[in-house]
Amino acid sequence: MGMIMPLYEQGTLREAIERGRLADRKNKVRVARRLLSAVAFLHENGIVHRDVKGKNILVSRDGAVKLADFGVAWSGVILHDGPSSTVAH
């Protein structure tokens, strides 16, 4: 199985910061808001990423932000609502 992803010219958030590509406050705030929006969306849908860090955040030239590497993410889904509820991962 393979995965095809778009190219994120800025690389990871960590690389963008190290190279000074997010030097101004406006860009930093934009990236932070988009990242927080992505994390909120995940949480609203029962998913916990568990590994949010600069190396797992991709940034495109136009400022799009993608959260990557869901290898240790957790999704708790209650299979039965009651005293013997089971949580599936």
PDB file of N, CA and C in Angstrom:
ATOM      1  N   MET A   1       0.845  -1.157   0.000  1.00  0.00           N
ATOM      2  CA  MET A   1       0.000   0.000   0.000  1.00  0.00           C
ATOM      3  C   MET A   1       0.902   1.234   0.000  1.00  0.00           C
ATOM      4  N   GLY A   2       0.525   2.235  -0.697  1.00  0.00           N
ATOM      5  CA  GLY A   2       1.264   3.489  -0.736  1.00  0.00           C
ATOM      6  C   GLY A   2       0.359   4.660  -0.418  1.00  0.00           C
ATOM      7  N   MET A   3       0.968   5.783  -0.177  1.00  0.00           N
ATOM      8  CA  MET A   3       0.208   6.988   0.125  1.00  0.00           C
ATOM      9  C   MET A   3       0.778   8.133  -0.713  1.00  0.00           C
ATOM     10  N   ILE A   4      -0.099   8.893  -1.300  1.00  0.00           N
ATOM     11  CA  ILE A   4       0.319  10.048  -2.082  1.00  0.00           C
ATOM     12  C   ILE A   4      -0.106  11.299  -1.328  1.00  0.00           C
ATOM     13  N   MET A   5       0.848  12.196  -1.124  1.00  0.00           N
ATOM     14  CA  MET A   5       0.573  13.446  -0.412  1.00  0.00           C
ATOM     15  C   MET A   5       1.051  14.613  -1.256  1.00  0.00           C
ATOM     16  N   PRO A   6       0.409  15.757  -1.105  1.00  0.00           N
ATOM     17  CA  PRO A   6       0.902  16.933  -1.820  1.00  0.00           C
ATOM     18  C   PRO A   6       2.252  17.367  -1.260  1.00  0.00           C
ATOM     19  N   LEU A   7       2.994  18.099  -2.061  1.00  0.00           N
ATOM     20  CA  LEU A   7       4.286  18.615  -1.628  1.00  0.00           C
ATOM     21  C   LEU A   7       4.084  19.851  -0.754  1.00  0.00           C
ATOM     22  N   TYR A   8       4.702  19.867   0.371  1.00  0.00           N
ATOM     23  CA  TYR A   8       4.671  21.034   1.259  1.00  0.00           C
ATOM     24  C   TYR A   8       6.043  21.678   1.201  1.00  0.00           C
ATOM     25  N   GLU A   9       6.130  22.725   0.371  1.00  0.00           N
ATOM     26  CA  GLU A   9       7.401  23.347   0.032  1.00  0.00           C
ATOM     27  C   GLU A   9       8.178  23.856   1.239  1.00  0.00           C
ATOM     28  N   GLN A  10       7.476  24.294   2.269  1.00  0.00           N
ATOM     29  CA  GLN A  10       8.148  24.823   3.453  1.00  0.00           C
ATOM     30  C   GLN A  10       8.681  23.695   4.332  1.00  0.00           C
ATOM     31  N   GLY A  11       8.266  22.458   4.051  1.00  0.00           N
ATOM     32  CA  GLY A  11       8.695  21.328   4.873  1.00  0.00           C
ATOM     33  C   GLY A  11       7.892  21.269   6.157  1.00  0.00           C
ATOM     34  N   THR A  12       8.547  20.873   7.208  1.00  0.00           N
ATOM     35  CA  THR A  12       7.877  20.777   8.501  1.00  0.00           C
ATOM     36  C   THR A  12       7.886  22.144   9.183  1.00  0.00           C
ATOM     37  N   LEU A  13       7.049  22.276  10.180  1.00  0.00           N
ATOM     38  CA  LEU A  13       7.025  23.522  10.951  1.00  0.00           C
ATOM     39  C   LEU A  13       8.386  23.772  11.577  1.00  0.00           C
ATOM     40  N   ARG A  14       8.987  22.719  12.059  1.00  0.00           N
ATOM     41  CA  ARG A  14      10.322  22.850  12.658  1.00  0.00           C
ATOM     42  C   ARG A  14      11.325  23.432  11.660  1.00  0.00           C
ATOM     43  N   GLU A  15      11.328  22.908  10.430  1.00  0.00           N
ATOM     44  CA  GLU A  15      12.232  23.403   9.394  1.00  0.00           C
ATOM     45  C   GLU A  15      11.920  24.851   9.022  1.00  0.00           C
ATOM     46  N   ALA A  16      10.639  25.163   8.917  1.00  0.00           N
ATOM     47  CA  ALA A  16      10.241  26.533   8.564  1.00  0.00           C
ATOM     48  C   ALA A  16      10.713  27.527   9.617  1.00  0.00           C
ATOM     49  N   ILE A  17      10.616  27.153  10.878  1.00  0.00           N
ATOM     50  CA  ILE A  17      11.078  28.039  11.955  1.00  0.00           C
ATOM     51  C   ILE A  17      12.592  28.171  11.914  1.00  0.00           C
ATOM     52  N   GLU A  18      13.301  27.044  11.771  1.00  0.00           N
ATOM     53  CA  GLU A  18      14.762  27.066  11.738  1.00  0.00           C
ATOM     54  C   GLU A  18      15.302  27.899  10.576  1.00  0.00           C
ATOM     55  N   ARG A  19      14.591  27.919   9.464  1.00  0.00           N
ATOM     56  CA  ARG A  19      15.028  28.661   8.279  1.00  0.00           C
ATOM     57  C   ARG A  19      14.511  30.095   8.254  1.00  0.00           C
ATOM     58  N   GLY A  20      13.776  30.477   9.291  1.00  0.00           N
ATOM     59  CA  GLY A  20      13.284  31.848   9.385  1.00  0.00           C
ATOM     60  C   GLY A  20      12.121  32.167   8.466  1.00  0.00           C
ATOM     61  N   ARG A  21      11.411  31.159   8.004  1.00  0.00           N
ATOM     62  CA  ARG A  21      10.304  31.378   7.070  1.00  0.00           C
ATOM     63  C   ARG A  21       9.019  31.822   7.768  1.00  0.00           C
ATOM     64  N   LEU A  22       8.990  31.737   9.053  1.00  0.00           N
ATOM     65  CA  LEU A  22       7.824  32.215   9.809  1.00  0.00           C
ATOM     66  C   LEU A  22       8.265  33.345  10.722  1.00  0.00           C
ATOM     67  N   ALA A  23       9.040  34.241  10.186  1.00  0.00           N
ATOM     68  CA  ALA A  23       9.663  35.287  10.991  1.00  0.00           C
ATOM     69  C   ALA A  23       8.663  36.285  11.560  1.00  0.00           C
ATOM     70  N   ASP A  24       7.642  36.638  10.787  1.00  0.00           N
ATOM     71  CA  ASP A  24       6.747  37.673  11.314  1.00  0.00           C
ATOM     72  C   ASP A  24       5.604  37.079  12.132  1.00  0.00           C
ATOM     73  N   ARG A  25       5.131  37.878  13.035  1.00  0.00           N
ATOM     74  CA  ARG A  25       4.094  37.462  13.988  1.00  0.00           C
ATOM     75  C   ARG A  25       2.819  37.018  13.290  1.00  0.00           C
ATOM     76  N   LYS A  26       2.450  37.706  12.206  1.00  0.00           N
ATOM     77  CA  LYS A  26       1.224  37.391  11.477  1.00  0.00           C
ATOM     78  C   LYS A  26       1.242  35.938  10.973  1.00  0.00           C
ATOM     79  N   ASN A  27       2.348  35.510  10.407  1.00  0.00           N
ATOM     80  CA  ASN A  27       2.460  34.124   9.925  1.00  0.00           C
ATOM     81  C   ASN A  27       2.434  33.121  11.070  1.00  0.00           C
ATOM     82  N   LYS A  28       3.094  33.452  12.163  1.00  0.00           N
ATOM     83  CA  LYS A  28       3.099  32.548  13.322  1.00  0.00           C
ATOM     84  C   LYS A  28       1.692  32.359  13.876  1.00  0.00           C
ATOM     85  N   VAL A  29       0.954  33.457  13.973  1.00  0.00           N
ATOM     86  CA  VAL A  29      -0.416  33.389  14.492  1.00  0.00           C
ATOM     87  C   VAL A  29      -1.301  32.586  13.542  1.00  0.00           C
ATOM     88  N   ARG A  30      -1.142  32.794  12.234  1.00  0.00           N
ATOM     89  CA  ARG A  30      -1.939  32.067  11.240  1.00  0.00           C
ATOM     90  C   ARG A  30      -1.687  30.561  11.352  1.00  0.00           C
ATOM     91  N   VAL A  31      -0.424  30.175  11.444  1.00  0.00           N
ATOM     92  CA  VAL A  31      -0.088  28.757  11.559  1.00  0.00           C
ATOM     93  C   VAL A  31      -0.637  28.182  12.863  1.00  0.00           C
ATOM     94  N   ALA A  32      -0.487  28.915  13.956  1.00  0.00           N
ATOM     95  CA  ALA A  32      -0.991  28.437  15.251  1.00  0.00           C
ATOM     96  C   ALA A  32      -2.504  28.246  15.221  1.00  0.00           C
ATOM     97  N   ARG A  33      -3.216  29.182  14.629  1.00  0.00           N
ATOM     98  CA  ARG A  33      -4.687  29.069  14.552  1.00  0.00           C
ATOM     99  C   ARG A  33      -5.100  27.861  13.723  1.00  0.00           C
ATOM    100  N   ARG A  34      -4.428  27.659  12.607  1.00  0.00           N
ATOM    101  CA  ARG A  34      -4.768  26.521  11.741  1.00  0.00           C
ATOM    102  C   ARG A  34      -4.444  25.201  12.429  1.00  0.00           C
ATOM    103  N   LEU A  35      -3.342  25.152  13.150  1.00  0.00           N
ATOM    104  CA  LEU A  35      -2.989  23.939  13.881  1.00  0.00           C
ATOM    105  C   LEU A  35      -4.000  23.652  14.986  1.00  0.00           C
ATOM    106  N   LEU A  36      -4.361  24.680  15.734  1.00  0.00           N
ATOM    107  CA  LEU A  36      -5.346  24.500  16.804  1.00  0.00           C
ATOM    108  C   LEU A  36      -6.702  24.087  16.246  1.00  0.00           C
ATOM    109  N   SER A  37      -7.052  24.615  15.097  1.00  0.00           N
ATOM    110  CA  SER A  37      -8.302  24.218  14.449  1.00  0.00           C
ATOM    111  C   SER A  37      -8.274  22.737  14.068  1.00  0.00           C
ATOM    112  N   ALA A  38      -7.147  22.272  13.564  1.00  0.00           N
ATOM    113  CA  ALA A  38      -7.008  20.854  13.195  1.00  0.00           C
ATOM    114  C   ALA A  38      -7.118  19.956  14.428  1.00  0.00           C
ATOM    115  N   VAL A  39      -6.447  20.340  15.502  1.00  0.00           N
ATOM    116  CA  VAL A  39      -6.495  19.542  16.740  1.00  0.00           C
ATOM    117  C   VAL A  39      -7.912  19.538  17.313  1.00  0.00           C
ATOM    118  N   ALA A  40      -8.594  20.684  17.283  1.00  0.00           N
ATOM    119  CA  ALA A  40      -9.979  20.757  17.770  1.00  0.00           C
ATOM    120  C   ALA A  40     -10.879  19.837  16.949  1.00  0.00           C
ATOM    121  N   PHE A  41     -10.695  19.835  15.622  1.00  0.00           N
ATOM    122  CA  PHE A  41     -11.489  18.960  14.756  1.00  0.00           C
ATOM    123  C   PHE A  41     -11.287  17.493  15.136  1.00  0.00           C
ATOM    124  N   LEU A  42     -10.028  17.112  15.332  1.00  0.00           N
ATOM    125  CA  LEU A  42      -9.740  15.732  15.734  1.00  0.00           C
ATOM    126  C   LEU A  42     -10.429  15.380  17.038  1.00  0.00           C
ATOM    127  N   HIS A  43     -10.306  16.248  18.039  1.00  0.00           N
ATOM    128  CA  HIS A  43     -10.884  15.982  19.351  1.00  0.00           C
ATOM    129  C   HIS A  43     -12.405  15.902  19.292  1.00  0.00           C
ATOM    130  N   GLU A  44     -13.012  16.768  18.478  1.00  0.00           N
ATOM    131  CA  GLU A  44     -14.476  16.724  18.316  1.00  0.00           C
ATOM    132  C   GLU A  44     -14.932  15.399  17.715  1.00  0.00           C
ATOM    133  N   ASN A  45     -14.027  14.738  17.004  1.00  0.00           N
ATOM    134  CA  ASN A  45     -14.341  13.465  16.365  1.00  0.00           C
ATOM    135  C   ASN A  45     -13.728  12.274  17.091  1.00  0.00           C
ATOM    136  N   GLY A  46     -13.331  12.487  18.342  1.00  0.00           N
ATOM    137  CA  GLY A  46     -12.862  11.394  19.181  1.00  0.00           C
ATOM    138  C   GLY A  46     -11.466  10.892  18.893  1.00  0.00           C
ATOM    139  N   ILE A  47     -10.644  11.711  18.252  1.00  0.00           N
ATOM    140  CA  ILE A  47      -9.282  11.288  17.912  1.00  0.00           C
ATOM    141  C   ILE A  47      -8.284  12.142  18.676  1.00  0.00           C
ATOM    142  N   VAL A  48      -7.302  11.482  19.291  1.00  0.00           N
ATOM    143  CA  VAL A  48      -6.217  12.168  19.991  1.00  0.00           C
ATOM    144  C   VAL A  48      -4.925  11.840  19.248  1.00  0.00           C
ATOM    145  N   HIS A  49      -4.249  12.859  18.752  1.00  0.00           N
ATOM    146  CA  HIS A  49      -3.045  12.659  17.936  1.00  0.00           C
ATOM    147  C   HIS A  49      -1.904  12.060  18.757  1.00  0.00           C
ATOM    148  N   ARG A  50      -1.634  12.581  19.915  1.00  0.00           N
ATOM    149  CA  ARG A  50      -0.633  12.116  20.878  1.00  0.00           C
ATOM    150  C   ARG A  50       0.824  12.344  20.485  1.00  0.00           C
ATOM    151  N   ASP A  51       1.081  13.047  19.376  1.00  0.00           N
ATOM    152  CA  ASP A  51       2.470  13.298  18.993  1.00  0.00           C
ATOM    153  C   ASP A  51       2.588  14.601  18.193  1.00  0.00           C
ATOM    154  N   VAL A  52       1.922  15.646  18.677  1.00  0.00           N
ATOM    155  CA  VAL A  52       1.984  16.940  17.994  1.00  0.00           C
ATOM    156  C   VAL A  52       3.326  17.584  18.331  1.00  0.00           C
ATOM    157  N   LYS A  53       4.134  17.795  17.297  1.00  0.00           N
ATOM    158  CA  LYS A  53       5.431  18.452  17.453  1.00  0.00           C
ATOM    159  C   LYS A  53       5.829  19.022  16.101  1.00  0.00           C
ATOM    160  N   GLY A  54       6.811  19.869  16.085  1.00  0.00           N
ATOM    161  CA  GLY A  54       7.226  20.557  14.872  1.00  0.00           C
ATOM    162  C   GLY A  54       7.528  19.660  13.699  1.00  0.00           C
ATOM    163  N   LYS A  55       8.057  18.470  13.952  1.00  0.00           N
ATOM    164  CA  LYS A  55       8.385  17.538  12.871  1.00  0.00           C
ATOM    165  C   LYS A  55       7.153  16.899  12.255  1.00  0.00           C
ATOM    166  N   ASN A  56       6.005  16.963  12.948  1.00  0.00           N
ATOM    167  CA  ASN A  56       4.782  16.325  12.461  1.00  0.00           C
ATOM    168  C   ASN A  56       3.761  17.329  11.933  1.00  0.00           C
ATOM    169  N   ILE A  57       4.203  18.552  11.696  1.00  0.00           N
ATOM    170  CA  ILE A  57       3.327  19.588  11.158  1.00  0.00           C
ATOM    171  C   ILE A  57       3.942  20.053   9.840  1.00  0.00           C
ATOM    172  N   LEU A  58       3.195  19.919   8.749  1.00  0.00           N
ATOM    173  CA  LEU A  58       3.677  20.313   7.439  1.00  0.00           C
ATOM    174  C   LEU A  58       3.111  21.685   7.080  1.00  0.00           C
ATOM    175  N   VAL A  59       3.937  22.512   6.445  1.00  0.00           N
ATOM    176  CA  VAL A  59       3.530  23.870   6.096  1.00  0.00           C
ATOM    177  C   VAL A  59       3.771  24.085   4.604  1.00  0.00           C
ATOM    178  N   SER A  60       2.738  24.556   3.895  1.00  0.00           N
ATOM    179  CA  SER A  60       2.904  24.838   2.466  1.00  0.00           C
ATOM    180  C   SER A  60       3.307  26.293   2.273  1.00  0.00           C
ATOM    181  N   ARG A  61       3.690  26.609   1.075  1.00  0.00           N
ATOM    182  CA  ARG A  61       4.123  27.968   0.746  1.00  0.00           C
ATOM    183  C   ARG A  61       3.003  28.987   0.976  1.00  0.00           C
ATOM    184  N   ASP A  62       1.750  28.573   0.734  1.00  0.00           N
ATOM    185  CA  ASP A  62       0.630  29.498   0.910  1.00  0.00           C
ATOM    186  C   ASP A  62       0.085  29.512   2.341  1.00  0.00           C
ATOM    187  N   GLY A  63       0.762  28.814   3.250  1.00  0.00           N
ATOM    188  CA  GLY A  63       0.375  28.848   4.660  1.00  0.00           C
ATOM    189  C   GLY A  63      -0.549  27.741   5.104  1.00  0.00           C
ATOM    190  N   ALA A  64      -0.871  26.814   4.215  1.00  0.00           N
ATOM    191  CA  ALA A  64      -1.690  25.669   4.624  1.00  0.00           C
ATOM    192  C   ALA A  64      -0.903  24.831   5.619  1.00  0.00           C
ATOM    193  N   VAL A  65      -1.593  24.299   6.607  1.00  0.00           N
ATOM    194  CA  VAL A  65      -0.955  23.516   7.663  1.00  0.00           C
ATOM    195  C   VAL A  65      -1.614  22.143   7.707  1.00  0.00           C
ATOM    196  N   LYS A  66      -0.809  21.105   7.718  1.00  0.00           N
ATOM    197  CA  LYS A  66      -1.317  19.736   7.810  1.00  0.00           C
ATOM    198  C   LYS A  66      -0.632  19.025   8.963  1.00  0.00           C
ATOM    199  N   LEU A  67      -1.417  18.358   9.761  1.00  0.00           N
ATOM    200  CA  LEU A  67      -0.900  17.558  10.862  1.00  0.00           C
ATOM    201  C   LEU A  67      -0.644  16.159  10.316  1.00  0.00           C
ATOM    202  N   ALA A  68       0.569  15.660  10.485  1.00  0.00           N
ATOM    203  CA  ALA A  68       0.969  14.371   9.920  1.00  0.00           C
ATOM    204  C   ALA A  68       1.339  13.380  11.021  1.00  0.00           C
ATOM    205  N   ASP A  69       1.611  12.162  10.627  1.00  0.00           N
ATOM    206  CA  ASP A  69       2.084  11.077  11.484  1.00  0.00           C
ATOM    207  C   ASP A  69       1.092  10.736  12.594  1.00  0.00           C
ATOM    208  N   PHE A  70       0.091   9.989  12.222  1.00  0.00           N
ATOM    209  CA  PHE A  70      -0.920   9.546  13.178  1.00  0.00           C
ATOM    210  C   PHE A  70      -0.598   8.157  13.720  1.00  0.00           C
ATOM    211  N   GLY A  71       0.686   7.798  13.702  1.00  0.00           N
ATOM    212  CA  GLY A  71       1.115   6.467  14.119  1.00  0.00           C
ATOM    213  C   GLY A  71       0.755   6.098  15.545  1.00  0.00           C
ATOM    214  N   VAL A  72       0.715   7.059  16.449  1.00  0.00           N
ATOM    215  CA  VAL A  72       0.369   6.756  17.842  1.00  0.00           C
ATOM    216  C   VAL A  72      -0.955   7.407  18.239  1.00  0.00           C
ATOM    217  N   ALA A  73      -1.738   7.823  17.241  1.00  0.00           N
ATOM    218  CA  ALA A  73      -3.036   8.444  17.524  1.00  0.00           C
ATOM    219  C   ALA A  73      -3.964   7.429  18.177  1.00  0.00           C
ATOM    220  N   TRP A  74      -4.907   7.943  18.929  1.00  0.00           N
ATOM    221  CA  TRP A  74      -5.868   7.091  19.639  1.00  0.00           C
ATOM    222  C   TRP A  74      -7.264   7.563  19.313  1.00  0.00           C
ATOM    223  N   SER A  75      -8.130   6.610  19.026  1.00  0.00           N
ATOM    224  CA  SER A  75      -9.527   6.924  18.768  1.00  0.00           C
ATOM    225  C   SER A  75     -10.362   6.075  19.704  1.00  0.00           C
ATOM    226  N   GLY A  76     -10.976   6.705  20.667  1.00  0.00           N
ATOM    227  CA  GLY A  76     -11.817   5.981  21.610  1.00  0.00           C
ATOM    228  C   GLY A  76     -13.258   6.014  21.151  1.00  0.00           C
ATOM    229  N   VAL A  77     -13.790   4.866  20.808  1.00  0.00           N
ATOM    230  CA  VAL A  77     -15.174   4.760  20.377  1.00  0.00           C
ATOM    231  C   VAL A  77     -15.890   3.845  21.350  1.00  0.00           C
ATOM    232  N   ILE A  78     -16.938   4.344  21.964  1.00  0.00           N
ATOM    233  CA  ILE A  78     -17.708   3.523  22.902  1.00  0.00           C
ATOM    234  C   ILE A  78     -18.646   2.634  22.097  1.00  0.00           C
ATOM    235  N   LEU A  79     -18.481   1.325  22.254  1.00  0.00           N
ATOM    236  CA  LEU A  79     -19.268   0.373  21.488  1.00  0.00           C
ATOM    237  C   LEU A  79     -20.635   0.090  22.100  1.00  0.00           C
ATOM    238  N   HIS A  80     -20.785   0.320  23.405  1.00  0.00           N
ATOM    239  CA  HIS A  80     -22.044   0.090  24.082  1.00  0.00           C
ATOM    240  C   HIS A  80     -22.143   1.083  25.218  1.00  0.00           C
ATOM    241  N   ASP A  81     -23.246   1.743  25.338  1.00  0.00           N
ATOM    242  CA  ASP A  81     -23.410   2.735  26.403  1.00  0.00           C
ATOM    243  C   ASP A  81     -24.090   2.073  27.597  1.00  0.00           C
ATOM    244  N   GLY A  82     -23.332   1.765  28.606  1.00  0.00           N
ATOM    245  CA  GLY A  82     -23.880   1.102  29.777  1.00  0.00           C
ATOM    246  C   GLY A  82     -22.781   0.675  30.715  1.00  0.00           C
ATOM    247  N   PRO A  83     -23.130  -0.082  31.763  1.00  0.00           N
ATOM    248  CA  PRO A  83     -22.143  -0.469  32.764  1.00  0.00           C
ATOM    249  C   PRO A  83     -21.006  -1.317  32.215  1.00  0.00           C
ATOM    250  N   SER A  84     -21.229  -2.027  31.141  1.00  0.00           N
ATOM    251  CA  SER A  84     -20.168  -2.873  30.593  1.00  0.00           C
ATOM    252  C   SER A  84     -19.656  -2.316  29.256  1.00  0.00           C
ATOM    253  N   SER A  85     -19.592  -1.022  29.154  1.00  0.00           N
ATOM    254  CA  SER A  85     -19.143  -0.374  27.904  1.00  0.00           C
ATOM    255  C   SER A  85     -17.720  -0.786  27.557  1.00  0.00           C
ATOM    256  N   THR A  86     -17.458  -0.900  26.285  1.00  0.00           N
ATOM    257  CA  THR A  86     -16.135  -1.250  25.773  1.00  0.00           C
ATOM    258  C   THR A  86     -15.612  -0.084  24.948  1.00  0.00           C
ATOM    259  N   VAL A  87     -14.354   0.243  25.144  1.00  0.00           N
ATOM    260  CA  VAL A  87     -13.728   1.272  24.338  1.00  0.00           C
ATOM    261  C   VAL A  87     -12.838   0.595  23.322  1.00  0.00           C
ATOM    262  N   ALA A  88     -13.105   0.881  22.030  1.00  0.00           N
ATOM    263  CA  ALA A  88     -12.295   0.320  20.952  1.00  0.00           C
ATOM    264  C   ALA A  88     -11.240   1.303  20.534  1.00  0.00           C
ATOM    265  N   HIS A  89     -10.097   0.803  20.158  1.00  0.00           N
ATOM    266  CA  HIS A  89      -8.992   1.650  19.667  1.00  0.00           C
ATOM    267  C   HIS A  89      -8.862   1.471  18.192  1.00  0.00           C
TER     268      HIS A  89
END
